[in-house]
Amino acid sequence: MSSTSSTVLRAEHIWLDGKLMKWDEGNVHVMTHALHYGLGVFEGIRAYKTHDGRLAVFRLREHIRRLLDSAHIIMLQMPYTEDELVEATLDLLRKQKAQFANGAYLRPVAFMGDGAMGLGAVNPTRVGITAWDWGAYLGDKGMKEGIRAKVSSFTRNHVNVNMVRGKITGQYVNSILAKREAVLAGYDEAILLDISGFVAEASGENIFMVNKKGIIKTPPLSSPVLDGITRDTVLKLLRDAGHTTIEEVTVTRDALYISNEVFFTGTAAEITPVREVDNRQIGDGKPGPISRFVQETYFRVVRGQEARYADWLTYV
């Protein structure tokens, strides 16, 4: 359906409920509670091959802490500590170091398992970690030349409708519907507005815009947006470089149309420029200087080429 849809390249092993096991053994029962009701949490994490040939996971502890926070938000009891999940992630990569020598996408997931059914059920939590080879989420061409986006007819969840600080599995149906609508209409990605009609985020990414004064804006965390770790990374990179950034709640869709630049951030999408929104060309229709700076700096950081951000890397 989409250039961003791809078959997962099978790895040899996964980690499930405290054990490393063969990929095909990582099964759950059809009566798993989360399959029926969506009560689970997950993370997306990337490991990169660094400039010296080693493998490093980017901001691993921040991702694991957010996983635990997400579970706490939905009252999902976690049977493992932060340290145990960090070590499990590294063990999974060590076990398959040859396969992932050039990098990997990691997916920790925790969910209510099988047992009782119904909305009031409380079953044991199951936890898994998988890794696979996943390239540019919105395509190599999109990364280099920018993508086309569409403002969705679907609205992002209100902060009192769902728990927007958590990466909760069931909530992503909203994103799936928006994404499919955009792709079926010929676009690469969807942009969702909040209930007041202001820009919130994309289906799976945070959004940044650069106005004609060179000021960089992104919706604040008081909006129904995910507290993105890549978002946080980009804000720090920009501020450290002396750029003016504002977290502004009232970004309108037409403000995007007349921006000099728009770009998405996220673990999967990394730094992806947007060249068009709703058939309006953004700037000169190609990645601008701020987008290129952020993209280039980000990839230097994750590859261990920026010593000041070395503490963001956990080497395998």
C-alpha atoms as a PDB file:
ATOM      1  CA  MET A   1       0.000   0.000   0.000  1.00  0.00           C
ATOM      2  CA  SER A   2       2.820   2.391   0.814  1.00  0.00           C
ATOM      3  CA  SER A   3       6.488   2.855   0.174  1.00  0.00           C
ATOM      4  CA  THR A   4       6.850   2.917   3.966  1.00  0.00           C
ATOM      5  CA  SER A   5       5.339  -0.536   4.355  1.00  0.00           C
ATOM      6  CA  SER A   6       7.931  -3.290   4.264  1.00  0.00           C
ATOM      7  CA  THR A   7       8.287  -6.919   5.156  1.00  0.00           C
ATOM      8  CA  VAL A   8      10.140  -7.395   8.429  1.00  0.00           C
ATOM      9  CA  LEU A   9      13.475  -9.093   7.757  1.00  0.00           C
ATOM     10  CA  ARG A  10      13.520 -12.025  10.142  1.00  0.00           C
ATOM     11  CA  ALA A  11      16.194 -12.190  12.772  1.00  0.00           C
ATOM     12  CA  GLU A  12      17.421 -15.396  14.396  1.00  0.00           C
ATOM     13  CA  HIS A  13      16.317 -14.604  17.937  1.00  0.00           C
ATOM     14  CA  ILE A  14      13.914 -12.563  20.026  1.00  0.00           C
ATOM     15  CA  TRP A  15      13.709 -11.929  23.771  1.00  0.00           C
ATOM     16  CA  LEU A  16      10.404 -12.887  25.406  1.00  0.00           C
ATOM     17  CA  ASP A  17       9.494 -13.047  29.086  1.00  0.00           C
ATOM     18  CA  GLY A  18      13.082 -13.169  30.265  1.00  0.00           C
ATOM     19  CA  LYS A  19      14.513 -15.597  27.703  1.00  0.00           C
ATOM     20  CA  LEU A  20      16.286 -15.434  24.367  1.00  0.00           C
ATOM     21  CA  MET A  21      14.580 -17.789  21.939  1.00  0.00           C
ATOM     22  CA  LYS A  22      14.303 -18.561  18.243  1.00  0.00           C
ATOM     23  CA  TRP A  23      12.250 -16.085  16.185  1.00  0.00           C
ATOM     24  CA  ASP A  24       9.526 -18.640  15.368  1.00  0.00           C
ATOM     25  CA  GLU A  25       9.088 -19.492  19.041  1.00  0.00           C
ATOM     26  CA  GLY A  26       8.020 -15.969  19.971  1.00  0.00           C
ATOM     27  CA  ASN A  27       4.286 -16.657  19.983  1.00  0.00           C
ATOM     28  CA  VAL A  28       1.299 -15.504  22.025  1.00  0.00           C
ATOM     29  CA  HIS A  29      -2.157 -17.041  22.383  1.00  0.00           C
ATOM     30  CA  VAL A  30      -5.126 -15.774  20.376  1.00  0.00           C
ATOM     31  CA  MET A  31      -6.847 -15.065  23.709  1.00  0.00           C
ATOM     32  CA  THR A  32      -4.156 -12.560  24.680  1.00  0.00           C
ATOM     33  CA  HIS A  33      -6.026  -9.697  26.333  1.00  0.00           C
ATOM     34  CA  ALA A  34      -4.060  -6.971  24.517  1.00  0.00           C
ATOM     35  CA  LEU A  35      -5.006  -8.441  21.135  1.00  0.00           C
ATOM     36  CA  HIS A  36      -8.674  -7.867  21.954  1.00  0.00           C
ATOM     37  CA  TYR A  37      -8.533  -4.578  23.863  1.00  0.00           C
ATOM     38  CA  GLY A  38      -5.227  -2.875  22.969  1.00  0.00           C
ATOM     39  CA  LEU A  39      -3.769  -2.703  26.486  1.00  0.00           C
ATOM     40  CA  GLY A  40      -0.059  -2.613  25.853  1.00  0.00           C
ATOM     41  CA  VAL A  41       2.866  -0.258  25.446  1.00  0.00           C
ATOM     42  CA  PHE A  42       5.852  -0.232  23.136  1.00  0.00           C
ATOM     43  CA  GLU A  43       8.981   1.604  22.091  1.00  0.00           C
ATOM     44  CA  GLY A  44      10.937   2.099  18.899  1.00  0.00           C
ATOM     45  CA  ILE A  45      14.711   2.279  19.336  1.00  0.00           C
ATOM     46  CA  ARG A  46      17.557   2.329  16.845  1.00  0.00           C
ATOM     47  CA  ALA A  47      21.074   0.969  17.039  1.00  0.00           C
ATOM     48  CA  TYR A  48      23.652   2.404  14.639  1.00  0.00           C
ATOM     49  CA  LYS A  49      27.032   1.392  13.337  1.00  0.00           C
ATOM     50  CA  THR A  50      29.380   4.078  14.615  1.00  0.00           C
ATOM     51  CA  HIS A  51      32.230   5.682  12.730  1.00  0.00           C
ATOM     52  CA  ASP A  52      34.737   3.323  14.385  1.00  0.00           C
ATOM     53  CA  GLY A  53      32.835   0.185  13.396  1.00  0.00           C
ATOM     54  CA  ARG A  54      31.116  -0.500  16.718  1.00  0.00           C
ATOM     55  CA  LEU A  55      27.374  -0.905  17.319  1.00  0.00           C
ATOM     56  CA  ALA A  56      25.672   1.605  19.628  1.00  0.00           C
ATOM     57  CA  VAL A  57      22.060   2.029  20.752  1.00  0.00           C
ATOM     58  CA  PHE A  58      20.820   5.614  20.692  1.00  0.00           C
ATOM     59  CA  ARG A  59      19.326   6.930  23.944  1.00  0.00           C
ATOM     60  CA  LEU A  60      18.534   3.427  25.137  1.00  0.00           C
ATOM     61  CA  ARG A  61      17.789   4.280  28.771  1.00  0.00           C
ATOM     62  CA  GLU A  62      15.485   7.159  27.836  1.00  0.00           C
ATOM     63  CA  HIS A  63      13.453   4.796  25.684  1.00  0.00           C
ATOM     64  CA  ILE A  64      13.249   2.134  28.367  1.00  0.00           C
ATOM     65  CA  ARG A  65      12.227   4.728  30.959  1.00  0.00           C
ATOM     66  CA  ARG A  66       9.455   5.918  28.647  1.00  0.00           C
ATOM     67  CA  LEU A  67       8.311   2.314  28.213  1.00  0.00           C
ATOM     68  CA  LEU A  68       8.068   1.971  31.989  1.00  0.00           C
ATOM     69  CA  ASP A  69       6.306   5.333  32.283  1.00  0.00           C
ATOM     70  CA  SER A  70       3.810   4.292  29.610  1.00  0.00           C
ATOM     71  CA  ALA A  71       3.098   1.088  31.506  1.00  0.00           C
ATOM     72  CA  HIS A  72       2.638   3.044  34.733  1.00  0.00           C
ATOM     73  CA  ILE A  73       0.168   5.393  33.024  1.00  0.00           C
ATOM     74  CA  ILE A  74      -2.109   2.516  32.006  1.00  0.00           C
ATOM     75  CA  MET A  75      -1.545   0.593  35.273  1.00  0.00           C
ATOM     76  CA  LEU A  76       0.236  -2.268  33.524  1.00  0.00           C
ATOM     77  CA  GLN A  77       2.440  -3.988  36.096  1.00  0.00           C
ATOM     78  CA  MET A  78       5.966  -4.418  34.735  1.00  0.00           C
ATOM     79  CA  PRO A  79       7.831  -7.555  35.846  1.00  0.00           C
ATOM     80  CA  TYR A  80      11.262  -6.184  34.867  1.00  0.00           C
ATOM     81  CA  THR A  81      13.344  -3.220  35.982  1.00  0.00           C
ATOM     82  CA  GLU A  82      14.956  -0.599  33.780  1.00  0.00           C
ATOM     83  CA  ASP A  83      18.368  -2.224  34.205  1.00  0.00           C
ATOM     84  CA  GLU A  84      16.997  -5.652  33.318  1.00  0.00           C
ATOM     85  CA  LEU A  85      15.346  -4.363  30.140  1.00  0.00           C
ATOM     86  CA  VAL A  86      18.467  -2.452  29.115  1.00  0.00           C
ATOM     87  CA  GLU A  87      20.560  -5.588  29.557  1.00  0.00           C
ATOM     88  CA  ALA A  88      17.990  -7.723  27.704  1.00  0.00           C
ATOM     89  CA  THR A  89      18.115  -5.317  24.752  1.00  0.00           C
ATOM     90  CA  LEU A  90      21.896  -5.464  24.641  1.00  0.00           C
ATOM     91  CA  ASP A  91      21.888  -9.259  25.006  1.00  0.00           C
ATOM     92  CA  LEU A  92      19.559  -9.551  22.013  1.00  0.00           C
ATOM     93  CA  LEU A  93      21.942  -7.496  19.895  1.00  0.00           C
ATOM     94  CA  ARG A  94      25.036  -9.329  21.149  1.00  0.00           C
ATOM     95  CA  LYS A  95      23.411 -12.643  20.223  1.00  0.00           C
ATOM     96  CA  GLN A  96      22.955 -11.388  16.650  1.00  0.00           C
ATOM     97  CA  LYS A  97      25.868  -9.013  16.332  1.00  0.00           C
ATOM     98  CA  ALA A  98      26.877 -10.278  12.894  1.00  0.00           C
ATOM     99  CA  GLN A  99      23.388  -9.754  11.453  1.00  0.00           C
ATOM    100  CA  PHE A 100      23.081  -6.261  12.920  1.00  0.00           C
ATOM    101  CA  ALA A 101      26.631  -5.058  12.368  1.00  0.00           C
ATOM    102  CA  ASN A 102      25.263  -2.150  10.303  1.00  0.00           C
ATOM    103  CA  GLY A 103      22.468  -1.244  12.709  1.00  0.00           C
ATOM    104  CA  ALA A 104      19.041  -2.399  13.855  1.00  0.00           C
ATOM    105  CA  TYR A 105      15.563  -1.221  14.745  1.00  0.00           C
ATOM    106  CA  LEU A 106      14.437  -2.479  18.169  1.00  0.00           C
ATOM    107  CA  ARG A 107      10.887  -2.950  19.403  1.00  0.00           C
ATOM    108  CA  PRO A 108      10.303  -3.558  23.129  1.00  0.00           C
ATOM    109  CA  VAL A 109       6.640  -4.289  23.830  1.00  0.00           C
ATOM    110  CA  ALA A 110       4.759  -5.015  27.050  1.00  0.00           C
ATOM    111  CA  PHE A 111       1.149  -6.149  27.055  1.00  0.00           C
ATOM    112  CA  MET A 112      -1.521  -7.832  29.163  1.00  0.00           C
ATOM    113  CA  GLY A 113      -1.405 -11.532  28.442  1.00  0.00           C
ATOM    114  CA  ASP A 114      -4.057 -14.223  28.318  1.00  0.00           C
ATOM    115  CA  GLY A 115      -6.213 -15.318  31.236  1.00  0.00           C
ATOM    116  CA  ALA A 116      -9.391 -13.479  32.126  1.00  0.00           C
ATOM    117  CA  MET A 117     -11.306 -11.494  29.507  1.00  0.00           C
ATOM    118  CA  GLY A 118     -13.374  -8.349  29.780  1.00  0.00           C
ATOM    119  CA  LEU A 119     -12.457  -4.739  30.409  1.00  0.00           C
ATOM    120  CA  GLY A 120     -11.893  -5.272  34.110  1.00  0.00           C
ATOM    121  CA  ALA A 121      -9.471  -8.176  33.741  1.00  0.00           C
ATOM    122  CA  VAL A 122      -5.988  -8.007  35.235  1.00  0.00           C
ATOM    123  CA  ASN A 123      -3.674 -10.662  33.790  1.00  0.00           C
ATOM    124  CA  PRO A 124       0.090 -11.111  33.995  1.00  0.00           C
ATOM    125  CA  THR A 125       2.128  -8.743  31.836  1.00  0.00           C
ATOM    126  CA  ARG A 126       4.219 -10.229  29.047  1.00  0.00           C
ATOM    127  CA  VAL A 127       7.293  -8.444  27.718  1.00  0.00           C
ATOM    128  CA  GLY A 128       9.116  -8.981  24.453  1.00  0.00           C
ATOM    129  CA  ILE A 129      11.974  -7.353  22.549  1.00  0.00           C
ATOM    130  CA  THR A 130      12.561  -7.848  18.847  1.00  0.00           C
ATOM    131  CA  ALA A 131      15.138  -6.451  16.465  1.00  0.00           C
ATOM    132  CA  TRP A 132      15.170  -6.237  12.691  1.00  0.00           C
ATOM    133  CA  ASP A 133      16.788  -4.390   9.831  1.00  0.00           C
ATOM    134  CA  TRP A 134      14.566  -1.399   8.992  1.00  0.00           C
ATOM    135  CA  GLY A 135      15.827   1.286   6.662  1.00  0.00           C
ATOM    136  CA  ALA A 136      14.458   4.794   6.206  1.00  0.00           C
ATOM    137  CA  TYR A 137      10.834   4.609   7.385  1.00  0.00           C
ATOM    138  CA  LEU A 138       9.596   7.149   4.832  1.00  0.00           C
ATOM    139  CA  GLY A 139      11.992   5.960   2.145  1.00  0.00           C
ATOM    140  CA  ASP A 140      15.532   6.841   1.115  1.00  0.00           C
ATOM    141  CA  LYS A 141      14.215   9.208  -1.539  1.00  0.00           C
ATOM    142  CA  GLY A 142      11.988  10.942   1.005  1.00  0.00           C
ATOM    143  CA  MET A 143      14.935  11.338   3.348  1.00  0.00           C
ATOM    144  CA  LYS A 144      16.983  13.013   0.630  1.00  0.00           C
ATOM    145  CA  GLU A 145      14.365  14.981  -1.305  1.00  0.00           C
ATOM    146  CA  GLY A 146      11.486  15.406   1.146  1.00  0.00           C
ATOM    147  CA  ILE A 147       8.026  13.843   1.239  1.00  0.00           C
ATOM    148  CA  ARG A 148       4.450  14.871   0.467  1.00  0.00           C
ATOM    149  CA  ALA A 149       2.079  15.146   3.434  1.00  0.00           C
ATOM    150  CA  LYS A 150      -1.667  15.619   3.819  1.00  0.00           C
ATOM    151  CA  VAL A 151      -3.600  17.139   6.697  1.00  0.00           C
ATOM    152  CA  SER A 152      -5.819  14.300   7.863  1.00  0.00           C
ATOM    153  CA  SER A 153      -9.574  14.302   8.332  1.00  0.00           C
ATOM    154  CA  PHE A 154      -8.859  12.382  11.552  1.00  0.00           C
ATOM    155  CA  THR A 155      -8.182  14.410  14.700  1.00  0.00           C
ATOM    156  CA  ARG A 156      -5.472  13.600  17.222  1.00  0.00           C
ATOM    157  CA  ASN A 157      -6.762  12.307  20.541  1.00  0.00           C
ATOM    158  CA  HIS A 158      -7.606  14.943  23.140  1.00  0.00           C
ATOM    159  CA  VAL A 159      -5.489  14.906  26.318  1.00  0.00           C
ATOM    160  CA  ASN A 160      -8.545  13.894  28.349  1.00  0.00           C
ATOM    161  CA  VAL A 161      -9.687  11.207  25.918  1.00  0.00           C
ATOM    162  CA  ASN A 162      -6.534   9.118  26.045  1.00  0.00           C
ATOM    163  CA  MET A 163      -3.175   9.204  27.783  1.00  0.00           C
ATOM    164  CA  VAL A 164      -1.044  11.077  25.286  1.00  0.00           C
ATOM    165  CA  ARG A 165       2.239  10.751  27.227  1.00  0.00           C
ATOM    166  CA  GLY A 166       2.306   7.000  26.728  1.00  0.00           C
ATOM    167  CA  LYS A 167       3.139   4.949  23.640  1.00  0.00           C
ATOM    168  CA  ILE A 168       0.040   2.807  24.063  1.00  0.00           C
ATOM    169  CA  THR A 169      -0.664   0.146  21.468  1.00  0.00           C
ATOM    170  CA  GLY A 170      -4.427   0.637  21.107  1.00  0.00           C
ATOM    171  CA  GLN A 171      -4.112   4.366  20.572  1.00  0.00           C
ATOM    172  CA  TYR A 172      -2.259   3.852  17.306  1.00  0.00           C
ATOM    173  CA  VAL A 173      -5.464   2.910  15.489  1.00  0.00           C
ATOM    174  CA  ASN A 174      -5.949   6.684  15.192  1.00  0.00           C
ATOM    175  CA  SER A 175      -2.582   6.929  13.454  1.00  0.00           C
ATOM    176  CA  ILE A 176      -3.222   3.915  11.222  1.00  0.00           C
ATOM    177  CA  LEU A 177      -6.481   5.386   9.910  1.00  0.00           C
ATOM    178  CA  ALA A 178      -4.827   8.737   9.234  1.00  0.00           C
ATOM    179  CA  LYS A 179      -1.847   7.118   7.531  1.00  0.00           C
ATOM    180  CA  ARG A 180      -3.989   4.906   5.302  1.00  0.00           C
ATOM    181  CA  GLU A 181      -6.163   7.841   4.292  1.00  0.00           C
ATOM    182  CA  ALA A 182      -3.084   9.822   3.266  1.00  0.00           C
ATOM    183  CA  VAL A 183      -1.433   6.990   1.367  1.00  0.00           C
ATOM    184  CA  LEU A 184      -4.613   6.062  -0.502  1.00  0.00           C
ATOM    185  CA  ALA A 185      -4.862   9.708  -1.579  1.00  0.00           C
ATOM    186  CA  GLY A 186      -1.335   9.565  -3.007  1.00  0.00           C
ATOM    187  CA  TYR A 187       0.639  11.146  -0.167  1.00  0.00           C
ATOM    188  CA  ASP A 188       3.471   9.754   1.952  1.00  0.00           C
ATOM    189  CA  GLU A 189       2.317  10.781   5.412  1.00  0.00           C
ATOM    190  CA  ALA A 190      -0.551  12.324   7.393  1.00  0.00           C
ATOM    191  CA  ILE A 191      -0.512  15.382   9.635  1.00  0.00           C
ATOM    192  CA  LEU A 192      -3.106  15.405  12.413  1.00  0.00           C
ATOM    193  CA  LEU A 193      -4.648  18.467  14.014  1.00  0.00           C
ATOM    194  CA  ASP A 194      -5.851  18.723  17.612  1.00  0.00           C
ATOM    195  CA  ILE A 195      -9.520  19.241  18.502  1.00  0.00           C
ATOM    196  CA  SER A 196      -9.059  23.030  18.215  1.00  0.00           C
ATOM    197  CA  GLY A 197      -7.741  22.740  14.672  1.00  0.00           C
ATOM    198  CA  PHE A 198      -4.078  23.416  15.452  1.00  0.00           C
ATOM    199  CA  VAL A 199      -1.217  21.249  14.192  1.00  0.00           C
ATOM    200  CA  ALA A 200      -0.382  18.402  16.573  1.00  0.00           C
ATOM    201  CA  GLU A 201       1.881  15.811  14.940  1.00  0.00           C
ATOM    202  CA  ALA A 202       2.131  13.328  12.095  1.00  0.00           C
ATOM    203  CA  SER A 203       0.844   9.764  12.313  1.00  0.00           C
ATOM    204  CA  GLY A 204       4.096   8.558  13.850  1.00  0.00           C
ATOM    205  CA  GLU A 205       6.343  11.601  14.037  1.00  0.00           C
ATOM    206  CA  ASN A 206       6.692  14.978  15.708  1.00  0.00           C
ATOM    207  CA  ILE A 207       6.650  17.987  13.405  1.00  0.00           C
ATOM    208  CA  PHE A 208       8.865  21.082  13.121  1.00  0.00           C
ATOM    209  CA  MET A 209       8.469  24.157  10.925  1.00  0.00           C
ATOM    210  CA  VAL A 210      10.807  27.029  10.112  1.00  0.00           C
ATOM    211  CA  ASN A 211       9.092  30.366   9.487  1.00  0.00           C
ATOM    212  CA  LYS A 212      10.289  33.167   7.250  1.00  0.00           C
ATOM    213  CA  LYS A 213      12.193  34.780  10.140  1.00  0.00           C
ATOM    214  CA  GLY A 214      14.172  31.596  10.641  1.00  0.00           C
ATOM    215  CA  ILE A 215      12.397  30.764  13.914  1.00  0.00           C
ATOM    216  CA  ILE A 216      11.868  27.049  14.421  1.00  0.00           C
ATOM    217  CA  LYS A 217       8.532  25.998  15.933  1.00  0.00           C
ATOM    218  CA  THR A 218       7.103  22.730  17.181  1.00  0.00           C
ATOM    219  CA  PRO A 219       3.893  22.006  19.123  1.00  0.00           C
ATOM    220  CA  PRO A 220       4.481  21.854  22.903  1.00  0.00           C
ATOM    221  CA  LEU A 221       4.001  18.898  25.204  1.00  0.00           C
ATOM    222  CA  SER A 222       0.817  20.510  26.494  1.00  0.00           C
ATOM    223  CA  SER A 223      -0.624  19.538  23.102  1.00  0.00           C
ATOM    224  CA  PRO A 224      -1.750  15.967  22.350  1.00  0.00           C
ATOM    225  CA  VAL A 225       1.697  15.005  21.050  1.00  0.00           C
ATOM    226  CA  LEU A 226       4.125  12.302  22.068  1.00  0.00           C
ATOM    227  CA  ASP A 227       7.097  13.402  24.155  1.00  0.00           C
ATOM    228  CA  GLY A 228       9.391  12.290  21.377  1.00  0.00           C
ATOM    229  CA  ILE A 229      12.963  11.370  22.236  1.00  0.00           C
ATOM    230  CA  THR A 230      14.089  12.369  18.751  1.00  0.00           C
ATOM    231  CA  ARG A 231      12.088  15.596  19.204  1.00  0.00           C
ATOM    232  CA  ASP A 232      13.997  16.271  22.421  1.00  0.00           C
ATOM    233  CA  THR A 233      17.278  15.457  20.672  1.00  0.00           C
ATOM    234  CA  VAL A 234      16.564  17.881  17.840  1.00  0.00           C
ATOM    235  CA  LEU A 235      15.559  20.705  20.189  1.00  0.00           C
ATOM    236  CA  LYS A 236      18.866  20.322  22.038  1.00  0.00           C
ATOM    237  CA  LEU A 237      20.909  20.165  18.839  1.00  0.00           C
ATOM    238  CA  LEU A 238      19.217  23.320  17.527  1.00  0.00           C
ATOM    239  CA  ARG A 239      19.561  25.257  20.762  1.00  0.00           C
ATOM    240  CA  ASP A 240      23.174  24.220  21.220  1.00  0.00           C
ATOM    241  CA  ALA A 241      23.842  25.526  17.704  1.00  0.00           C
ATOM    242  CA  GLY A 242      22.285  28.915  18.599  1.00  0.00           C
ATOM    243  CA  HIS A 243      19.000  28.588  16.723  1.00  0.00           C
ATOM    244  CA  THR A 244      15.816  30.113  18.110  1.00  0.00           C
ATOM    245  CA  THR A 245      13.200  27.476  18.880  1.00  0.00           C
ATOM    246  CA  ILE A 246       9.666  27.971  20.176  1.00  0.00           C
ATOM    247  CA  GLU A 247       7.234  25.346  21.423  1.00  0.00           C
ATOM    248  CA  GLU A 248       4.021  26.963  20.212  1.00  0.00           C
ATOM    249  CA  VAL A 249       0.531  25.563  20.659  1.00  0.00           C
ATOM    250  CA  THR A 250      -1.169  27.607  17.934  1.00  0.00           C
ATOM    251  CA  VAL A 251       0.519  26.394  14.769  1.00  0.00           C
ATOM    252  CA  THR A 252      -2.138  26.476  12.051  1.00  0.00           C
ATOM    253  CA  ARG A 253      -2.171  24.367   8.928  1.00  0.00           C
ATOM    254  CA  ASP A 254      -1.762  27.427   6.711  1.00  0.00           C
ATOM    255  CA  ALA A 255       1.311  28.390   8.752  1.00  0.00           C
ATOM    256  CA  LEU A 256       2.802  25.143   7.470  1.00  0.00           C
ATOM    257  CA  TYR A 257       1.910  26.091   3.888  1.00  0.00           C
ATOM    258  CA  ILE A 258       3.906  29.342   4.044  1.00  0.00           C
ATOM    259  CA  SER A 259       6.832  27.982   6.069  1.00  0.00           C
ATOM    260  CA  ASN A 260      10.309  28.011   4.646  1.00  0.00           C
ATOM    261  CA  GLU A 261      10.802  24.448   5.874  1.00  0.00           C
ATOM    262  CA  VAL A 262       8.896  21.599   7.503  1.00  0.00           C
ATOM    263  CA  PHE A 263      10.417  18.371   8.770  1.00  0.00           C
ATOM    264  CA  PHE A 264       9.402  15.313  10.783  1.00  0.00           C
ATOM    265  CA  THR A 265      11.335  13.695  13.621  1.00  0.00           C
ATOM    266  CA  GLY A 266      11.045  10.233  15.122  1.00  0.00           C
ATOM    267  CA  THR A 267      13.040   7.103  15.829  1.00  0.00           C
ATOM    268  CA  ALA A 268      11.678   5.342  12.740  1.00  0.00           C
ATOM    269  CA  ALA A 269      11.525   8.407  10.465  1.00  0.00           C
ATOM    270  CA  GLU A 270      14.741   9.902  11.915  1.00  0.00           C
ATOM    271  CA  ILE A 271      14.869  13.373  10.284  1.00  0.00           C
ATOM    272  CA  THR A 272      12.630  13.488   7.217  1.00  0.00           C
ATOM    273  CA  PRO A 273      12.038  16.775   5.346  1.00  0.00           C
ATOM    274  CA  VAL A 274       8.568  17.642   4.014  1.00  0.00           C
ATOM    275  CA  ARG A 275       8.521  19.262   0.581  1.00  0.00           C
ATOM    276  CA  GLU A 276       4.744  19.590   0.187  1.00  0.00           C
ATOM    277  CA  VAL A 277       1.662  19.818   2.420  1.00  0.00           C
ATOM    278  CA  ASP A 278      -1.832  19.591   0.925  1.00  0.00           C
ATOM    279  CA  ASN A 279      -0.441  20.180  -2.583  1.00  0.00           C
ATOM    280  CA  ARG A 280       1.296  23.394  -1.465  1.00  0.00           C
ATOM    281  CA  GLN A 281       5.025  23.449  -2.046  1.00  0.00           C
ATOM    282  CA  ILE A 282       7.033  24.182   1.093  1.00  0.00           C
ATOM    283  CA  GLY A 283       9.760  26.754   0.498  1.00  0.00           C
ATOM    284  CA  ASP A 284      11.578  25.964  -2.715  1.00  0.00           C
ATOM    285  CA  GLY A 285      10.302  22.377  -2.709  1.00  0.00           C
ATOM    286  CA  LYS A 286      13.421  20.699  -1.390  1.00  0.00           C
ATOM    287  CA  PRO A 287      15.082  20.242   2.014  1.00  0.00           C
ATOM    288  CA  GLY A 288      16.185  23.595   3.368  1.00  0.00           C
ATOM    289  CA  PRO A 289      19.322  24.541   5.329  1.00  0.00           C
ATOM    290  CA  ILE A 290      17.846  23.918   8.787  1.00  0.00           C
ATOM    291  CA  SER A 291      16.465  20.518   7.776  1.00  0.00           C
ATOM    292  CA  ARG A 292      19.815  19.566   6.259  1.00  0.00           C
ATOM    293  CA  PHE A 293      21.720  20.811   9.328  1.00  0.00           C
ATOM    294  CA  VAL A 294      19.497  18.818  11.697  1.00  0.00           C
ATOM    295  CA  GLN A 295      19.685  15.712   9.538  1.00  0.00           C
ATOM    296  CA  GLU A 296      23.457  15.850   9.129  1.00  0.00           C
ATOM    297  CA  THR A 297      24.102  16.613  12.793  1.00  0.00           C
ATOM    298  CA  TYR A 298      21.728  13.905  13.962  1.00  0.00           C
ATOM    299  CA  PHE A 299      23.484  11.255  11.912  1.00  0.00           C
ATOM    300  CA  ARG A 300      26.874  12.428  13.143  1.00  0.00           C
ATOM    301  CA  VAL A 301      25.620  12.110  16.719  1.00  0.00           C
ATOM    302  CA  VAL A 302      24.163   8.607  16.353  1.00  0.00           C
ATOM    303  CA  ARG A 303      27.355   7.464  14.640  1.00  0.00           C
ATOM    304  CA  GLY A 304      29.513   8.667  17.515  1.00  0.00           C
ATOM    305  CA  GLN A 305      31.107  11.595  15.688  1.00  0.00           C
ATOM    306  CA  GLU A 306      30.042  14.294  18.155  1.00  0.00           C
ATOM    307  CA  ALA A 307      31.897  13.861  21.442  1.00  0.00           C
ATOM    308  CA  ARG A 308      29.674  16.288  23.366  1.00  0.00           C
ATOM    309  CA  TYR A 309      26.709  13.911  22.941  1.00  0.00           C
ATOM    310  CA  ALA A 310      28.616  10.678  23.611  1.00  0.00           C
ATOM    311  CA  ASP A 311      26.485   9.886  26.668  1.00  0.00           C
ATOM    312  CA  TRP A 312      23.501   9.323  24.361  1.00  0.00           C
ATOM    313  CA  LEU A 313      25.147   6.143  23.022  1.00  0.00           C
ATOM    314  CA  THR A 314      25.173   2.741  24.703  1.00  0.00           C
ATOM    315  CA  TYR A 315      27.705   0.490  23.017  1.00  0.00           C
ATOM    316  CA  VAL A 316      26.879  -3.160  22.520  1.00  0.00           C
END
